[in-house]
Amino acid sequence: MVGFVKLLGIAMVILGVIYLIKPATMKRYATFWMKDNRIYAGGVISVVIALIFFRAAGLCSTPWFVVLMGILALAKGACAFFLGPKKIKPWMEQLMQKPIGTLRTIALIPLIIGILLIYAA
């Protein structure tokens, strides 16, 4: 379980670096999840990740941070189901229209969270 938390942290760091270097990749990633009803699949994935975080938290060196990330993942998954694609798509489209500098700033979020997850695990 702790290995999964570290692996997810590494993946987030890699994605954050890719998004920082090529913000257009973030747009393609968002577009992928907005097609059809993939938002629901993303919601399920977020809930599963949350459950794994909750199970792994007790074994991690900084359990409160892992629990916090689990709560955020659970909230993200719940939002995907309660809001649905009709409400999330316009928000994501608006976000993807932001200037490159804004997208690069947003790319720092997964980068920082990924680093913190690696150290928390």
C-alpha atoms as a PDB file:
ATOM      1  CA  MET A   1       0.000   0.000   0.000  1.00  0.00           C
ATOM      2  CA  VAL A   2       2.773   2.443   0.890  1.00  0.00           C
ATOM      3  CA  GLY A   3       4.433   1.550  -2.404  1.00  0.00           C
ATOM      4  CA  PHE A   4       1.272   2.554  -4.237  1.00  0.00           C
ATOM      5  CA  VAL A   5       1.263   5.929  -2.474  1.00  0.00           C
ATOM      6  CA  LYS A   6       4.881   6.502  -3.531  1.00  0.00           C
ATOM      7  CA  LEU A   7       4.146   5.314  -7.060  1.00  0.00           C
ATOM      8  CA  LEU A   8       1.218   7.708  -7.326  1.00  0.00           C
ATOM      9  CA  GLY A   9       3.447  10.498  -6.014  1.00  0.00           C
ATOM     10  CA  ILE A  10       6.060   9.721  -8.658  1.00  0.00           C
ATOM     11  CA  ALA A  11       3.385   9.695 -11.378  1.00  0.00           C
ATOM     12  CA  MET A  12       2.108  13.069 -10.194  1.00  0.00           C
ATOM     13  CA  VAL A  13       5.618  14.543 -10.248  1.00  0.00           C
ATOM     14  CA  ILE A  14       6.165  13.241 -13.782  1.00  0.00           C
ATOM     15  CA  LEU A  15       2.822  14.648 -14.962  1.00  0.00           C
ATOM     16  CA  GLY A  16       3.508  17.965 -13.243  1.00  0.00           C
ATOM     17  CA  VAL A  17       6.874  18.273 -14.992  1.00  0.00           C
ATOM     18  CA  ILE A  18       5.342  17.336 -18.362  1.00  0.00           C
ATOM     19  CA  TYR A  19       2.538  19.876 -17.893  1.00  0.00           C
ATOM     20  CA  LEU A  20       5.061  22.511 -16.829  1.00  0.00           C
ATOM     21  CA  ILE A  21       7.177  21.964 -19.932  1.00  0.00           C
ATOM     22  CA  LYS A  22       4.301  21.410 -22.401  1.00  0.00           C
ATOM     23  CA  PRO A  23       1.008  22.900 -21.171  1.00  0.00           C
ATOM     24  CA  ALA A  24      -0.723  21.679 -24.354  1.00  0.00           C
ATOM     25  CA  THR A  25      -0.408  18.157 -22.925  1.00  0.00           C
ATOM     26  CA  MET A  26      -2.634  19.225 -20.036  1.00  0.00           C
ATOM     27  CA  LYS A  27      -5.250  20.342 -22.556  1.00  0.00           C
ATOM     28  CA  ARG A  28      -5.147  16.965 -24.324  1.00  0.00           C
ATOM     29  CA  TYR A  29      -5.422  15.168 -20.980  1.00  0.00           C
ATOM     30  CA  ALA A  30      -8.476  17.224 -19.982  1.00  0.00           C
ATOM     31  CA  THR A  31     -10.056  16.710 -23.400  1.00  0.00           C
ATOM     32  CA  PHE A  32      -9.615  12.943 -23.044  1.00  0.00           C
ATOM     33  CA  TRP A  33     -11.533  12.875 -19.759  1.00  0.00           C
ATOM     34  CA  MET A  34     -14.300  15.142 -21.031  1.00  0.00           C
ATOM     35  CA  LYS A  35     -15.303  12.852 -23.916  1.00  0.00           C
ATOM     36  CA  ASP A  36     -18.467  10.773 -23.552  1.00  0.00           C
ATOM     37  CA  ASN A  37     -19.005   9.801 -19.932  1.00  0.00           C
ATOM     38  CA  ARG A  38     -15.356   9.235 -19.025  1.00  0.00           C
ATOM     39  CA  ILE A  39     -15.826  11.674 -16.159  1.00  0.00           C
ATOM     40  CA  TYR A  40     -17.622   8.876 -14.313  1.00  0.00           C
ATOM     41  CA  ALA A  41     -14.692   6.509 -14.865  1.00  0.00           C
ATOM     42  CA  GLY A  42     -12.420   9.194 -13.449  1.00  0.00           C
ATOM     43  CA  GLY A  43     -14.736   9.466 -10.459  1.00  0.00           C
ATOM     44  CA  VAL A  44     -14.488   5.734  -9.802  1.00  0.00           C
ATOM     45  CA  ILE A  45     -10.693   5.862 -10.091  1.00  0.00           C
ATOM     46  CA  SER A  46     -10.588   8.752  -7.609  1.00  0.00           C
ATOM     47  CA  VAL A  47     -12.733   6.857  -5.104  1.00  0.00           C
ATOM     48  CA  VAL A  48     -10.525   3.754  -5.410  1.00  0.00           C
ATOM     49  CA  ILE A  49      -7.399   5.887  -4.897  1.00  0.00           C
ATOM     50  CA  ALA A  50      -9.041   7.473  -1.846  1.00  0.00           C
ATOM     51  CA  LEU A  51      -9.748   4.057  -0.349  1.00  0.00           C
ATOM     52  CA  ILE A  52      -6.156   2.968  -0.918  1.00  0.00           C
ATOM     53  CA  PHE A  53      -4.892   6.179   0.705  1.00  0.00           C
ATOM     54  CA  PHE A  54      -7.091   5.554   3.740  1.00  0.00           C
ATOM     55  CA  ARG A  55      -5.785   1.979   4.065  1.00  0.00           C
ATOM     56  CA  ALA A  56      -2.148   3.004   3.585  1.00  0.00           C
ATOM     57  CA  ALA A  57      -2.203   6.060   5.844  1.00  0.00           C
ATOM     58  CA  GLY A  58      -1.457   4.136   9.030  1.00  0.00           C
ATOM     59  CA  LEU A  59       1.699   2.699   7.486  1.00  0.00           C
ATOM     60  CA  CYS A  60       3.029   6.017   6.162  1.00  0.00           C
ATOM     61  CA  SER A  61       5.448   8.354   7.924  1.00  0.00           C
ATOM     62  CA  THR A  62       3.018  11.293   7.667  1.00  0.00           C
ATOM     63  CA  PRO A  63      -0.420   9.680   7.897  1.00  0.00           C
ATOM     64  CA  TRP A  64      -2.388  12.928   8.230  1.00  0.00           C
ATOM     65  CA  PHE A  65      -1.214  14.088   4.799  1.00  0.00           C
ATOM     66  CA  VAL A  66      -2.131  10.787   3.156  1.00  0.00           C
ATOM     67  CA  VAL A  67      -5.566  10.915   4.819  1.00  0.00           C
ATOM     68  CA  LEU A  68      -5.977  14.500   3.601  1.00  0.00           C
ATOM     69  CA  MET A  69      -5.165  13.413   0.046  1.00  0.00           C
ATOM     70  CA  GLY A  70      -7.639  10.548   0.454  1.00  0.00           C
ATOM     71  CA  ILE A  71     -10.351  12.991   1.515  1.00  0.00           C
ATOM     72  CA  LEU A  72      -9.602  15.212  -1.489  1.00  0.00           C
ATOM     73  CA  ALA A  73      -9.656  12.213  -3.846  1.00  0.00           C
ATOM     74  CA  LEU A  74     -12.965  11.077  -2.360  1.00  0.00           C
ATOM     75  CA  ALA A  75     -14.406  14.583  -2.771  1.00  0.00           C
ATOM     76  CA  LYS A  76     -13.198  14.672  -6.380  1.00  0.00           C
ATOM     77  CA  GLY A  77     -14.842  11.329  -7.102  1.00  0.00           C
ATOM     78  CA  ALA A  78     -18.085  12.422  -5.448  1.00  0.00           C
ATOM     79  CA  CYS A  79     -18.116  15.658  -7.460  1.00  0.00           C
ATOM     80  CA  ALA A  80     -17.742  13.684 -10.673  1.00  0.00           C
ATOM     81  CA  PHE A  81     -20.940  11.791  -9.863  1.00  0.00           C
ATOM     82  CA  PHE A  82     -22.984  14.577  -8.285  1.00  0.00           C
ATOM     83  CA  LEU A  83     -22.115  17.309 -10.783  1.00  0.00           C
ATOM     84  CA  GLY A  84     -21.800  15.115 -13.860  1.00  0.00           C
ATOM     85  CA  PRO A  85     -20.313  15.919 -17.256  1.00  0.00           C
ATOM     86  CA  LYS A  86     -22.827  18.652 -18.093  1.00  0.00           C
ATOM     87  CA  LYS A  87     -21.610  20.859 -15.268  1.00  0.00           C
ATOM     88  CA  ILE A  88     -17.941  19.873 -15.257  1.00  0.00           C
ATOM     89  CA  LYS A  89     -17.263  20.182 -19.012  1.00  0.00           C
ATOM     90  CA  PRO A  90     -17.923  23.959 -19.260  1.00  0.00           C
ATOM     91  CA  TRP A  91     -15.705  24.601 -16.243  1.00  0.00           C
ATOM     92  CA  MET A  92     -12.881  22.517 -17.718  1.00  0.00           C
ATOM     93  CA  GLU A  93     -13.244  24.173 -21.131  1.00  0.00           C
ATOM     94  CA  GLN A  94     -13.007  27.577 -19.483  1.00  0.00           C
ATOM     95  CA  LEU A  95      -9.938  26.482 -17.533  1.00  0.00           C
ATOM     96  CA  MET A  96      -8.210  25.213 -20.684  1.00  0.00           C
ATOM     97  CA  GLN A  97      -8.688  28.612 -22.354  1.00  0.00           C
ATOM     98  CA  LYS A  98      -6.436  30.266 -19.763  1.00  0.00           C
ATOM     99  CA  PRO A  99      -3.047  31.666 -20.842  1.00  0.00           C
ATOM    100  CA  ILE A 100      -0.005  29.383 -20.932  1.00  0.00           C
ATOM    101  CA  GLY A 101       1.449  31.018 -17.816  1.00  0.00           C
ATOM    102  CA  THR A 102      -1.684  30.188 -15.837  1.00  0.00           C
ATOM    103  CA  LEU A 103      -1.605  26.581 -17.040  1.00  0.00           C
ATOM    104  CA  ARG A 104       2.042  26.322 -16.006  1.00  0.00           C
ATOM    105  CA  THR A 105       1.152  27.638 -12.564  1.00  0.00           C
ATOM    106  CA  ILE A 106      -1.630  25.049 -12.319  1.00  0.00           C
ATOM    107  CA  ALA A 107       0.940  22.383 -13.312  1.00  0.00           C
ATOM    108  CA  LEU A 108       2.803  23.128 -10.083  1.00  0.00           C
ATOM    109  CA  ILE A 109      -0.097  21.670  -8.081  1.00  0.00           C
ATOM    110  CA  PRO A 110       0.392  17.983  -9.035  1.00  0.00           C
ATOM    111  CA  LEU A 111       4.159  18.490  -8.950  1.00  0.00           C
ATOM    112  CA  ILE A 112       4.130  19.752  -5.352  1.00  0.00           C
ATOM    113  CA  ILE A 113       1.493  17.272  -4.164  1.00  0.00           C
ATOM    114  CA  GLY A 114       3.444  14.425  -5.777  1.00  0.00           C
ATOM    115  CA  ILE A 115       6.652  15.432  -3.995  1.00  0.00           C
ATOM    116  CA  LEU A 116       4.783  15.663  -0.692  1.00  0.00           C
ATOM    117  CA  LEU A 117       3.192  12.232  -1.248  1.00  0.00           C
ATOM    118  CA  ILE A 118       6.582  10.661  -1.894  1.00  0.00           C
ATOM    119  CA  TYR A 119       7.915  12.060   1.370  1.00  0.00           C
ATOM    120  CA  ALA A 120       4.722  11.236   3.290  1.00  0.00           C
ATOM    121  CA  ALA A 121       4.829   7.566   2.290  1.00  0.00           C
END
